Amino acid sequence: MLFVTAPESPILESRNWLIHIHYCRREFDVCRMYIQEELERSSRMAEYPNYIMESLEYFQTCHVLNPRSVDNIKQVARSLYLLGRHRLAVEAYLEAEAVATKPDWAIYHNLGLCLVHVGEQAKAKDNFLRALQCSRQEETYMALAKIHLLEDDIEGAIWIYKTALHLIKATLSAPGCARTPISQSLALQFIARVVA
């Protein structure tokens, strides 16, 4: 019987799988960290992190061709965010907001994340609240509560965690709702932080 083994990946590409997993999970802060590490470790020779750079260039070209496309602008902003260029990402998300014809959760949530990175917590909070008006997403509650914790506003953080926990409980108890491990995990995180 003949066994075929997968070829070993070169050292320069050793964390591509990890970057991809975090990107697919929308764990962009962790993803960005690994991209930066890989680019530094490989003297900018790692393939996958360079895809992010290349994607930025392509989305910028698409934006030039169709400057009214909110999706193209959001992709440019996301690429900038992943590359750690938070100020430019803020500008891109503000442009996306100006072009958008209706409120967009992704714009407000991601703008809030970028604003946290540039130290503008008050504006970040405002954008997270706007995001929650569009759609009550667990990750927005988490980000908003994190700001309150950074500001030593424990009461505010607890109120947000309780609100989010109520939302999660209502969602998980809805008829026909699939109980996803992600939601259960977040619910446990909320409970742990409220009790602590």
N, C-alpha and C. Protein backbone atom coordinates (compact mmCIF):
# COMPACT_ATOMS: atom_id res chain seq x y z
N MET A 1 0.85 -1.17 0.00
CA MET A 1 0.00 0.00 0.00
C MET A 1 0.89 1.23 0.00
N LEU A 2 0.57 2.19 -0.83
CA LEU A 2 1.35 3.41 -0.98
C LEU A 2 0.70 4.54 -0.21
N PHE A 3 1.47 5.17 0.67
CA PHE A 3 0.97 6.31 1.42
C PHE A 3 1.59 7.57 0.86
N VAL A 4 0.76 8.56 0.66
CA VAL A 4 1.25 9.85 0.18
C VAL A 4 1.15 10.83 1.33
N THR A 5 2.24 11.48 1.60
CA THR A 5 2.23 12.48 2.67
C THR A 5 2.21 13.86 2.06
N ALA A 6 1.61 14.75 2.77
CA ALA A 6 1.55 16.14 2.31
C ALA A 6 2.94 16.73 2.37
N PRO A 7 3.27 17.56 1.40
CA PRO A 7 4.59 18.19 1.44
C PRO A 7 4.68 19.14 2.63
N GLU A 8 5.87 19.21 3.18
CA GLU A 8 6.07 20.13 4.30
C GLU A 8 6.03 21.56 3.77
N SER A 9 5.40 22.42 4.55
CA SER A 9 5.35 23.81 4.11
C SER A 9 6.64 24.50 4.50
N PRO A 10 7.09 25.42 3.67
CA PRO A 10 8.32 26.14 4.02
C PRO A 10 8.14 26.94 5.30
N ILE A 11 9.24 27.18 5.97
CA ILE A 11 9.23 27.92 7.22
C ILE A 11 8.55 29.28 7.06
N LEU A 12 8.78 29.93 5.92
CA LEU A 12 8.22 31.27 5.73
C LEU A 12 6.70 31.27 5.72
N GLU A 13 6.10 30.15 5.39
CA GLU A 13 4.64 30.09 5.30
C GLU A 13 4.02 29.33 6.48
N SER A 14 4.74 29.18 7.57
CA SER A 14 4.31 28.30 8.64
C SER A 14 3.06 28.75 9.39
N ARG A 15 2.73 30.02 9.37
CA ARG A 15 1.55 30.49 10.13
C ARG A 15 0.39 30.89 9.23
N ASN A 16 0.45 30.60 7.96
CA ASN A 16 -0.64 30.97 7.06
C ASN A 16 -1.98 30.40 7.54
N TRP A 17 -1.96 29.14 7.96
CA TRP A 17 -3.18 28.51 8.42
C TRP A 17 -3.75 29.23 9.63
N LEU A 18 -2.89 29.69 10.50
CA LEU A 18 -3.32 30.38 11.71
C LEU A 18 -3.92 31.75 11.36
N ILE A 19 -3.26 32.45 10.47
CA ILE A 19 -3.79 33.74 10.01
C ILE A 19 -5.15 33.55 9.38
N HIS A 20 -5.27 32.54 8.53
CA HIS A 20 -6.54 32.28 7.84
C HIS A 20 -7.66 31.93 8.81
N ILE A 21 -7.37 31.09 9.79
CA ILE A 21 -8.39 30.70 10.77
C ILE A 21 -8.91 31.92 11.52
N HIS A 22 -7.99 32.76 12.00
CA HIS A 22 -8.42 33.94 12.75
C HIS A 22 -9.17 34.92 11.85
N TYR A 23 -8.78 35.02 10.61
CA TYR A 23 -9.49 35.90 9.68
C TYR A 23 -10.92 35.40 9.46
N CYS A 24 -11.07 34.10 9.24
CA CYS A 24 -12.40 33.52 9.02
C CYS A 24 -13.29 33.64 10.25
N ARG A 25 -12.69 33.62 11.42
CA ARG A 25 -13.44 33.77 12.67
C ARG A 25 -13.75 35.23 12.99
N ARG A 26 -13.28 36.13 12.13
CA ARG A 26 -13.45 37.56 12.31
C ARG A 26 -12.71 38.06 13.56
N GLU A 27 -11.64 37.38 13.91
CA GLU A 27 -10.78 37.78 15.03
C GLU A 27 -9.66 38.64 14.44
N PHE A 28 -10.02 39.83 14.01
CA PHE A 28 -9.12 40.64 13.22
C PHE A 28 -7.93 41.18 14.01
N ASP A 29 -8.10 41.42 15.30
CA ASP A 29 -6.96 41.90 16.09
C ASP A 29 -5.88 40.83 16.15
N VAL A 30 -6.28 39.60 16.41
CA VAL A 30 -5.32 38.49 16.48
C VAL A 30 -4.71 38.26 15.10
N CYS A 31 -5.54 38.30 14.09
CA CYS A 31 -5.08 38.12 12.71
C CYS A 31 -4.02 39.17 12.37
N ARG A 32 -4.31 40.40 12.67
CA ARG A 32 -3.39 41.50 12.38
C ARG A 32 -2.06 41.30 13.09
N MET A 33 -2.13 40.84 14.33
CA MET A 33 -0.92 40.60 15.10
C MET A 33 -0.04 39.55 14.41
N TYR A 34 -0.66 38.44 13.98
CA TYR A 34 0.10 37.38 13.31
C TYR A 34 0.63 37.85 11.95
N ILE A 35 -0.13 38.66 11.25
CA ILE A 35 0.35 39.19 9.97
C ILE A 35 1.60 40.02 10.19
N GLN A 36 1.55 40.92 11.18
CA GLN A 36 2.71 41.77 11.46
C GLN A 36 3.92 40.93 11.85
N GLU A 37 3.70 39.93 12.71
CA GLU A 37 4.79 39.07 13.14
C GLU A 37 5.41 38.32 11.96
N GLU A 38 4.56 37.78 11.09
CA GLU A 38 5.04 37.04 9.94
C GLU A 38 5.81 37.93 8.98
N LEU A 39 5.30 39.12 8.75
CA LEU A 39 6.00 40.02 7.85
C LEU A 39 7.36 40.41 8.41
N GLU A 40 7.43 40.66 9.71
CA GLU A 40 8.70 41.00 10.33
C GLU A 40 9.66 39.81 10.35
N ARG A 41 9.15 38.64 10.69
CA ARG A 41 9.96 37.44 10.80
C ARG A 41 10.54 37.02 9.45
N SER A 42 9.78 37.24 8.40
CA SER A 42 10.19 36.76 7.08
C SER A 42 10.79 37.85 6.21
N SER A 43 11.02 39.01 6.78
CA SER A 43 11.52 40.16 6.00
C SER A 43 10.59 40.45 4.82
N ARG A 44 9.31 40.39 5.10
CA ARG A 44 8.25 40.67 4.11
C ARG A 44 8.19 39.65 2.98
N MET A 45 8.70 38.43 3.23
CA MET A 45 8.71 37.40 2.20
C MET A 45 7.60 36.38 2.38
N ALA A 46 6.82 36.45 3.45
CA ALA A 46 5.73 35.50 3.67
C ALA A 46 4.60 35.79 2.70
N GLU A 47 4.06 34.73 2.14
CA GLU A 47 3.08 34.88 1.07
C GLU A 47 1.71 35.37 1.57
N TYR A 48 1.15 34.70 2.55
CA TYR A 48 -0.22 35.01 2.96
C TYR A 48 -0.38 36.44 3.48
N PRO A 49 0.49 36.90 4.38
CA PRO A 49 0.35 38.29 4.83
C PRO A 49 0.44 39.28 3.67
N ASN A 50 1.22 38.93 2.69
CA ASN A 50 1.31 39.81 1.53
C ASN A 50 0.03 39.82 0.71
N TYR A 51 -0.77 38.76 0.83
CA TYR A 51 -2.08 38.76 0.16
C TYR A 51 -2.95 39.90 0.69
N ILE A 52 -2.84 40.16 2.00
CA ILE A 52 -3.62 41.25 2.58
C ILE A 52 -3.21 42.57 1.93
N MET A 53 -1.90 42.75 1.77
CA MET A 53 -1.40 43.97 1.11
C MET A 53 -1.92 44.04 -0.33
N GLU A 54 -1.86 42.91 -1.01
CA GLU A 54 -2.31 42.87 -2.40
C GLU A 54 -3.81 43.14 -2.49
N SER A 55 -4.57 42.57 -1.55
CA SER A 55 -6.02 42.78 -1.58
C SER A 55 -6.34 44.26 -1.40
N LEU A 56 -5.57 44.93 -0.54
CA LEU A 56 -5.76 46.36 -0.34
C LEU A 56 -5.59 47.10 -1.67
N GLU A 57 -4.54 46.76 -2.40
CA GLU A 57 -4.29 47.41 -3.68
C GLU A 57 -5.44 47.17 -4.66
N TYR A 58 -5.92 45.93 -4.71
CA TYR A 58 -7.02 45.62 -5.64
C TYR A 58 -8.31 46.33 -5.25
N PHE A 59 -8.62 46.35 -3.96
CA PHE A 59 -9.84 47.05 -3.53
C PHE A 59 -9.72 48.55 -3.75
N GLN A 60 -8.52 49.08 -3.60
CA GLN A 60 -8.34 50.50 -3.91
C GLN A 60 -8.57 50.76 -5.39
N THR A 61 -8.12 49.86 -6.24
CA THR A 61 -8.37 49.99 -7.68
C THR A 61 -9.87 49.91 -7.96
N CYS A 62 -10.55 48.97 -7.31
CA CYS A 62 -12.01 48.86 -7.48
C CYS A 62 -12.70 50.13 -7.02
N HIS A 63 -12.20 50.72 -5.95
CA HIS A 63 -12.79 51.96 -5.44
C HIS A 63 -12.63 53.10 -6.45
N VAL A 64 -11.47 53.14 -7.12
CA VAL A 64 -11.26 54.17 -8.14
C VAL A 64 -12.25 53.97 -9.29
N LEU A 65 -12.48 52.70 -9.65
CA LEU A 65 -13.39 52.40 -10.75
C LEU A 65 -14.86 52.65 -10.39
N ASN A 66 -15.19 52.43 -9.11
CA ASN A 66 -16.56 52.60 -8.66
C ASN A 66 -16.56 53.25 -7.27
N PRO A 67 -16.34 54.56 -7.22
CA PRO A 67 -16.20 55.24 -5.92
C PRO A 67 -17.48 55.28 -5.09
N ARG A 68 -18.62 54.93 -5.64
CA ARG A 68 -19.88 54.94 -4.89
C ARG A 68 -20.21 53.57 -4.28
N SER A 69 -19.31 52.60 -4.45
CA SER A 69 -19.56 51.27 -3.90
C SER A 69 -19.14 51.22 -2.43
N VAL A 70 -20.14 51.11 -1.58
CA VAL A 70 -19.89 51.04 -0.13
C VAL A 70 -19.08 49.79 0.19
N ASP A 71 -19.39 48.68 -0.47
CA ASP A 71 -18.68 47.43 -0.19
C ASP A 71 -17.19 47.55 -0.51
N ASN A 72 -16.84 48.18 -1.61
CA ASN A 72 -15.43 48.36 -1.94
C ASN A 72 -14.73 49.22 -0.89
N ILE A 73 -15.38 50.27 -0.46
CA ILE A 73 -14.78 51.15 0.55
C ILE A 73 -14.60 50.39 1.87
N LYS A 74 -15.59 49.60 2.24
CA LYS A 74 -15.48 48.81 3.47
C LYS A 74 -14.34 47.81 3.38
N GLN A 75 -14.12 47.22 2.22
CA GLN A 75 -13.02 46.28 2.05
C GLN A 75 -11.67 46.98 2.14
N VAL A 76 -11.58 48.16 1.57
CA VAL A 76 -10.35 48.95 1.70
C VAL A 76 -10.11 49.23 3.18
N ALA A 77 -11.14 49.66 3.88
CA ALA A 77 -11.01 49.96 5.31
C ALA A 77 -10.61 48.73 6.10
N ARG A 78 -11.21 47.59 5.81
CA ARG A 78 -10.88 46.34 6.52
C ARG A 78 -9.42 45.97 6.29
N SER A 79 -8.95 46.09 5.06
CA SER A 79 -7.54 45.78 4.76
C SER A 79 -6.62 46.72 5.51
N LEU A 80 -6.96 48.00 5.54
CA LEU A 80 -6.14 48.97 6.29
C LEU A 80 -6.11 48.62 7.77
N TYR A 81 -7.26 48.23 8.30
CA TYR A 81 -7.33 47.84 9.71
C TYR A 81 -6.42 46.65 9.98
N LEU A 82 -6.50 45.62 9.12
CA LEU A 82 -5.68 44.43 9.32
C LEU A 82 -4.19 44.72 9.22
N LEU A 83 -3.85 45.73 8.46
CA LEU A 83 -2.45 46.12 8.32
C LEU A 83 -1.99 47.05 9.45
N GLY A 84 -2.91 47.37 10.37
CA GLY A 84 -2.56 48.22 11.50
C GLY A 84 -2.54 49.69 11.16
N ARG A 85 -3.13 50.06 10.05
CA ARG A 85 -3.17 51.47 9.63
C ARG A 85 -4.53 52.04 10.04
N HIS A 86 -4.70 52.18 11.34
CA HIS A 86 -6.00 52.48 11.91
C HIS A 86 -6.52 53.87 11.55
N ARG A 87 -5.66 54.88 11.52
CA ARG A 87 -6.10 56.23 11.15
C ARG A 87 -6.69 56.23 9.74
N LEU A 88 -5.98 55.58 8.81
CA LEU A 88 -6.48 55.51 7.43
C LEU A 88 -7.77 54.69 7.37
N ALA A 89 -7.85 53.65 8.17
CA ALA A 89 -9.08 52.84 8.22
C ALA A 89 -10.25 53.68 8.71
N VAL A 90 -10.01 54.53 9.72
CA VAL A 90 -11.06 55.43 10.22
C VAL A 90 -11.57 56.31 9.07
N GLU A 91 -10.64 56.89 8.33
CA GLU A 91 -11.03 57.75 7.20
C GLU A 91 -11.84 56.98 6.17
N ALA A 92 -11.43 55.75 5.89
CA ALA A 92 -12.15 54.93 4.91
C ALA A 92 -13.55 54.59 5.40
N TYR A 93 -13.68 54.23 6.68
CA TYR A 93 -15.02 53.93 7.22
C TYR A 93 -15.90 55.17 7.23
N LEU A 94 -15.33 56.33 7.51
CA LEU A 94 -16.12 57.57 7.45
C LEU A 94 -16.58 57.85 6.03
N GLU A 95 -15.72 57.55 5.06
CA GLU A 95 -16.13 57.70 3.66
C GLU A 95 -17.25 56.72 3.32
N ALA A 96 -17.12 55.48 3.79
CA ALA A 96 -18.17 54.48 3.54
C ALA A 96 -19.49 54.93 4.15
N GLU A 97 -19.43 55.51 5.35
CA GLU A 97 -20.64 56.01 6.00
C GLU A 97 -21.28 57.12 5.17
N ALA A 98 -20.45 58.01 4.62
CA ALA A 98 -20.97 59.12 3.81
C ALA A 98 -21.62 58.63 2.53
N VAL A 99 -21.10 57.55 1.97
CA VAL A 99 -21.62 57.02 0.70
C VAL A 99 -22.84 56.12 0.93
N ALA A 100 -22.91 55.48 2.08
CA ALA A 100 -23.99 54.53 2.36
C ALA A 100 -25.35 55.21 2.31
N THR A 101 -26.30 54.48 1.79
CA THR A 101 -27.66 55.03 1.68
C THR A 101 -28.51 54.71 2.91
N LYS A 102 -28.02 53.81 3.74
CA LYS A 102 -28.74 53.46 4.97
C LYS A 102 -27.72 53.09 6.05
N PRO A 103 -28.12 53.15 7.31
CA PRO A 103 -27.19 52.79 8.39
C PRO A 103 -26.67 51.36 8.21
N ASP A 104 -25.40 51.16 8.52
CA ASP A 104 -24.74 49.87 8.28
C ASP A 104 -24.00 49.44 9.54
N TRP A 105 -24.43 48.32 10.14
CA TRP A 105 -23.81 47.82 11.35
C TRP A 105 -22.30 47.67 11.19
N ALA A 106 -21.85 47.07 10.09
CA ALA A 106 -20.43 46.79 9.89
C ALA A 106 -19.61 48.07 9.88
N ILE A 107 -20.12 49.11 9.26
CA ILE A 107 -19.40 50.38 9.23
C ILE A 107 -19.22 50.91 10.64
N TYR A 108 -20.31 51.00 11.40
CA TYR A 108 -20.23 51.57 12.75
C TYR A 108 -19.40 50.71 13.69
N HIS A 109 -19.60 49.40 13.63
CA HIS A 109 -18.84 48.51 14.53
C HIS A 109 -17.35 48.59 14.23
N ASN A 110 -16.99 48.45 12.98
CA ASN A 110 -15.57 48.46 12.61
C ASN A 110 -14.94 49.84 12.79
N LEU A 111 -15.71 50.88 12.56
CA LEU A 111 -15.22 52.23 12.83
C LEU A 111 -14.91 52.37 14.32
N GLY A 112 -15.79 51.82 15.16
CA GLY A 112 -15.56 51.82 16.60
C GLY A 112 -14.27 51.10 16.97
N LEU A 113 -14.02 49.95 16.36
CA LEU A 113 -12.78 49.22 16.63
C LEU A 113 -11.56 50.04 16.25
N CYS A 114 -11.62 50.69 15.10
CA CYS A 114 -10.50 51.52 14.66
C CYS A 114 -10.28 52.69 15.61
N LEU A 115 -11.37 53.30 16.04
CA LEU A 115 -11.25 54.45 16.94
C LEU A 115 -10.65 54.05 18.28
N VAL A 116 -10.94 52.86 18.74
CA VAL A 116 -10.32 52.38 19.98
C VAL A 116 -8.81 52.33 19.79
N HIS A 117 -8.37 51.84 18.65
CA HIS A 117 -6.94 51.71 18.39
C HIS A 117 -6.22 53.06 18.29
N VAL A 118 -6.95 54.09 17.90
CA VAL A 118 -6.31 55.41 17.82
C VAL A 118 -6.57 56.24 19.08
N GLY A 119 -7.15 55.61 20.10
CA GLY A 119 -7.31 56.26 21.39
C GLY A 119 -8.50 57.20 21.51
N GLU A 120 -9.48 57.05 20.65
CA GLU A 120 -10.67 57.92 20.70
C GLU A 120 -11.86 57.11 21.22
N GLN A 121 -11.79 56.78 22.52
CA GLN A 121 -12.81 55.92 23.12
C GLN A 121 -14.21 56.51 23.08
N ALA A 122 -14.35 57.81 23.28
CA ALA A 122 -15.69 58.42 23.29
C ALA A 122 -16.35 58.25 21.92
N LYS A 123 -15.61 58.52 20.87
CA LYS A 123 -16.16 58.34 19.52
C LYS A 123 -16.41 56.87 19.24
N ALA A 124 -15.53 56.01 19.75
CA ALA A 124 -15.71 54.57 19.55
C ALA A 124 -17.03 54.12 20.20
N LYS A 125 -17.27 54.59 21.44
CA LYS A 125 -18.52 54.24 22.13
C LYS A 125 -19.73 54.68 21.31
N ASP A 126 -19.69 55.91 20.79
CA ASP A 126 -20.80 56.42 19.99
C ASP A 126 -21.05 55.51 18.79
N ASN A 127 -19.99 55.08 18.15
CA ASN A 127 -20.16 54.22 16.97
C ASN A 127 -20.64 52.83 17.34
N PHE A 128 -20.19 52.30 18.47
CA PHE A 128 -20.71 51.00 18.91
C PHE A 128 -22.21 51.10 19.22
N LEU A 129 -22.62 52.21 19.83
CA LEU A 129 -24.04 52.40 20.11
C LEU A 129 -24.85 52.51 18.81
N ARG A 130 -24.30 53.19 17.83
CA ARG A 130 -24.96 53.29 16.53
C ARG A 130 -25.04 51.91 15.88
N ALA A 131 -23.97 51.11 16.03
CA ALA A 131 -23.97 49.76 15.48
C ALA A 131 -25.08 48.92 16.13
N LEU A 132 -25.23 49.07 17.46
CA LEU A 132 -26.28 48.31 18.16
C LEU A 132 -27.68 48.74 17.75
N GLN A 133 -27.83 49.99 17.31
CA GLN A 133 -29.14 50.43 16.80
C GLN A 133 -29.45 49.73 15.49
N CYS A 134 -28.40 49.40 14.73
CA CYS A 134 -28.60 48.70 13.44
C CYS A 134 -28.85 47.21 13.65
N SER A 135 -28.08 46.62 14.54
CA SER A 135 -28.16 45.17 14.77
C SER A 135 -27.52 44.85 16.11
N ARG A 136 -28.21 44.09 16.91
CA ARG A 136 -27.69 43.75 18.24
C ARG A 136 -26.78 42.54 18.15
N GLN A 137 -25.52 42.81 17.87
CA GLN A 137 -24.53 41.75 17.72
C GLN A 137 -23.71 41.61 19.00
N GLU A 138 -23.43 40.36 19.36
CA GLU A 138 -22.69 40.08 20.58
C GLU A 138 -21.33 40.78 20.60
N GLU A 139 -20.64 40.76 19.47
CA GLU A 139 -19.29 41.32 19.46
C GLU A 139 -19.29 42.83 19.70
N THR A 140 -20.36 43.50 19.33
CA THR A 140 -20.44 44.94 19.59
C THR A 140 -20.63 45.20 21.08
N TYR A 141 -21.47 44.39 21.71
CA TYR A 141 -21.64 44.52 23.17
C TYR A 141 -20.30 44.28 23.87
N MET A 142 -19.57 43.26 23.42
CA MET A 142 -18.27 42.95 24.03
C MET A 142 -17.31 44.14 23.89
N ALA A 143 -17.25 44.72 22.70
CA ALA A 143 -16.33 45.84 22.46
C ALA A 143 -16.72 47.06 23.29
N LEU A 144 -18.02 47.32 23.39
CA LEU A 144 -18.50 48.45 24.17
C LEU A 144 -18.20 48.26 25.66
N ALA A 145 -18.44 47.06 26.15
CA ALA A 145 -18.15 46.77 27.56
C ALA A 145 -16.66 46.88 27.84
N LYS A 146 -15.85 46.46 26.89
CA LYS A 146 -14.39 46.54 27.06
C LYS A 146 -13.95 47.99 27.25
N ILE A 147 -14.55 48.91 26.51
CA ILE A 147 -14.22 50.33 26.68
C ILE A 147 -14.58 50.79 28.09
N HIS A 148 -15.76 50.39 28.55
CA HIS A 148 -16.16 50.77 29.91
C HIS A 148 -15.18 50.23 30.94
N LEU A 149 -14.71 48.99 30.74
CA LEU A 149 -13.73 48.43 31.66
C LEU A 149 -12.42 49.19 31.60
N LEU A 150 -11.98 49.57 30.41
CA LEU A 150 -10.74 50.35 30.26
C LEU A 150 -10.86 51.70 30.96
N GLU A 151 -12.07 52.23 31.03
CA GLU A 151 -12.30 53.51 31.69
C GLU A 151 -12.63 53.34 33.17
N ASP A 152 -12.50 52.12 33.68
CA ASP A 152 -12.82 51.78 35.07
C ASP A 152 -14.28 52.06 35.41
N ASP A 153 -15.15 51.99 34.42
CA ASP A 153 -16.59 52.13 34.62
C ASP A 153 -17.19 50.73 34.74
N ILE A 154 -16.99 50.14 35.90
CA ILE A 154 -17.43 48.76 36.13
C ILE A 154 -18.95 48.65 36.04
N GLU A 155 -19.66 49.62 36.62
CA GLU A 155 -21.13 49.60 36.58
C GLU A 155 -21.64 49.62 35.14
N GLY A 156 -21.05 50.49 34.32
CA GLY A 156 -21.45 50.56 32.92
C GLY A 156 -21.17 49.26 32.19
N ALA A 157 -20.01 48.66 32.45
CA ALA A 157 -19.65 47.39 31.82
C ALA A 157 -20.62 46.29 32.24
N ILE A 158 -20.94 46.24 33.53
CA ILE A 158 -21.87 45.22 34.02
C ILE A 158 -23.23 45.38 33.37
N TRP A 159 -23.70 46.62 33.25
CA TRP A 159 -25.00 46.85 32.61
C TRP A 159 -24.97 46.35 31.15
N ILE A 160 -23.89 46.63 30.44
CA ILE A 160 -23.78 46.18 29.05
C ILE A 160 -23.73 44.66 28.98
N TYR A 161 -22.93 44.03 29.86
CA TYR A 161 -22.86 42.57 29.86
C TYR A 161 -24.22 41.95 30.17
N LYS A 162 -24.94 42.54 31.13
CA LYS A 162 -26.27 42.01 31.47
C LYS A 162 -27.23 42.16 30.29
N THR A 163 -27.16 43.31 29.62
CA THR A 163 -28.00 43.52 28.44
C THR A 163 -27.67 42.50 27.36
N ALA A 164 -26.38 42.29 27.13
CA ALA A 164 -25.95 41.31 26.13
C ALA A 164 -26.36 39.90 26.53
N LEU A 165 -26.21 39.58 27.80
CA LEU A 165 -26.59 38.26 28.28
C LEU A 165 -28.08 38.03 28.09
N HIS A 166 -28.88 39.05 28.37
CA HIS A 166 -30.32 38.95 28.15
C HIS A 166 -30.60 38.68 26.67
N LEU A 167 -29.91 39.38 25.81
CA LEU A 167 -30.06 39.18 24.36
C LEU A 167 -29.69 37.76 23.97
N ILE A 168 -28.57 37.26 24.49
CA ILE A 168 -28.12 35.91 24.15
C ILE A 168 -29.11 34.88 24.66
N LYS A 169 -29.59 35.05 25.89
CA LYS A 169 -30.57 34.11 26.44
C LYS A 169 -31.84 34.11 25.60
N ALA A 170 -32.29 35.29 25.18
CA ALA A 170 -33.49 35.37 24.36
C ALA A 170 -33.27 34.71 23.00
N THR A 171 -32.09 34.90 22.44
CA THR A 171 -31.78 34.31 21.14
C THR A 171 -31.67 32.79 21.25
N LEU A 172 -31.01 32.32 22.29
CA LEU A 172 -30.82 30.87 22.45
C LEU A 172 -32.12 30.16 22.80
N SER A 173 -33.06 30.86 23.41
CA SER A 173 -34.31 30.22 23.78
C SER A 173 -35.39 30.36 22.70
N ALA A 174 -35.09 31.05 21.63
CA ALA A 174 -36.06 31.21 20.55
C ALA A 174 -36.32 29.86 19.89
N PRO A 175 -37.59 29.61 19.51
CA PRO A 175 -37.92 28.33 18.86
C PRO A 175 -37.12 28.17 17.56
N GLY A 176 -36.56 26.96 17.41
CA GLY A 176 -35.82 26.66 16.19
C GLY A 176 -34.43 27.24 16.13
N CYS A 177 -33.99 27.85 17.22
CA CYS A 177 -32.67 28.47 17.24
C CYS A 177 -31.61 27.42 17.48
N ALA A 178 -30.60 27.42 16.64
CA ALA A 178 -29.47 26.52 16.84
C ALA A 178 -28.58 27.09 17.92
N ARG A 179 -28.27 26.28 18.89
CA ARG A 179 -27.40 26.75 19.97
C ARG A 179 -25.95 26.59 19.51
N THR A 180 -25.38 27.66 19.08
CA THR A 180 -24.03 27.61 18.54
C THR A 180 -23.00 27.66 19.66
N PRO A 181 -21.88 26.97 19.49
CA PRO A 181 -20.83 27.03 20.50
C PRO A 181 -20.31 28.45 20.71
N ILE A 182 -20.30 29.25 19.67
CA ILE A 182 -19.80 30.62 19.80
C ILE A 182 -20.69 31.41 20.75
N SER A 183 -22.01 31.32 20.57
CA SER A 183 -22.93 32.05 21.44
C SER A 183 -22.83 31.55 22.88
N GLN A 184 -22.72 30.24 23.05
CA GLN A 184 -22.60 29.70 24.40
C GLN A 184 -21.30 30.16 25.04
N SER A 185 -20.24 30.18 24.28
CA SER A 185 -18.96 30.63 24.79
C SER A 185 -19.03 32.09 25.21
N LEU A 186 -19.62 32.93 24.37
CA LEU A 186 -19.75 34.34 24.71
C LEU A 186 -20.64 34.52 25.94
N ALA A 187 -21.69 33.73 26.03
CA ALA A 187 -22.56 33.82 27.20
C ALA A 187 -21.78 33.51 28.47
N LEU A 188 -20.92 32.50 28.41
CA LEU A 188 -20.11 32.17 29.58
C LEU A 188 -19.13 33.29 29.90
N GLN A 189 -18.56 33.91 28.88
CA GLN A 189 -17.66 35.04 29.13
C GLN A 189 -18.40 36.18 29.80
N PHE A 190 -19.61 36.46 29.32
CA PHE A 190 -20.41 37.53 29.91
C PHE A 190 -20.69 37.22 31.37
N ILE A 191 -21.11 36.00 31.66
CA ILE A 191 -21.43 35.61 33.03
C ILE A 191 -20.19 35.75 33.92
N ALA A 192 -19.06 35.28 33.43
CA ALA A 192 -17.82 35.34 34.21
C ALA A 192 -17.45 36.78 34.52
N ARG A 193 -17.60 37.65 33.57
CA ARG A 193 -17.21 39.05 33.79
C ARG A 193 -18.19 39.76 34.71
N VAL A 194 -19.47 39.43 34.62
CA VAL A 194 -20.46 40.07 35.48
C VAL A 194 -20.26 39.62 36.93
N VAL A 195 -19.98 38.34 37.12
CA VAL A 195 -19.82 37.80 38.47
C VAL A 195 -18.50 38.26 39.09
N ALA A 196 -17.47 38.41 38.26
CA ALA A 196 -16.13 38.74 38.80
C ALA A 196 -16.08 40.11 39.43
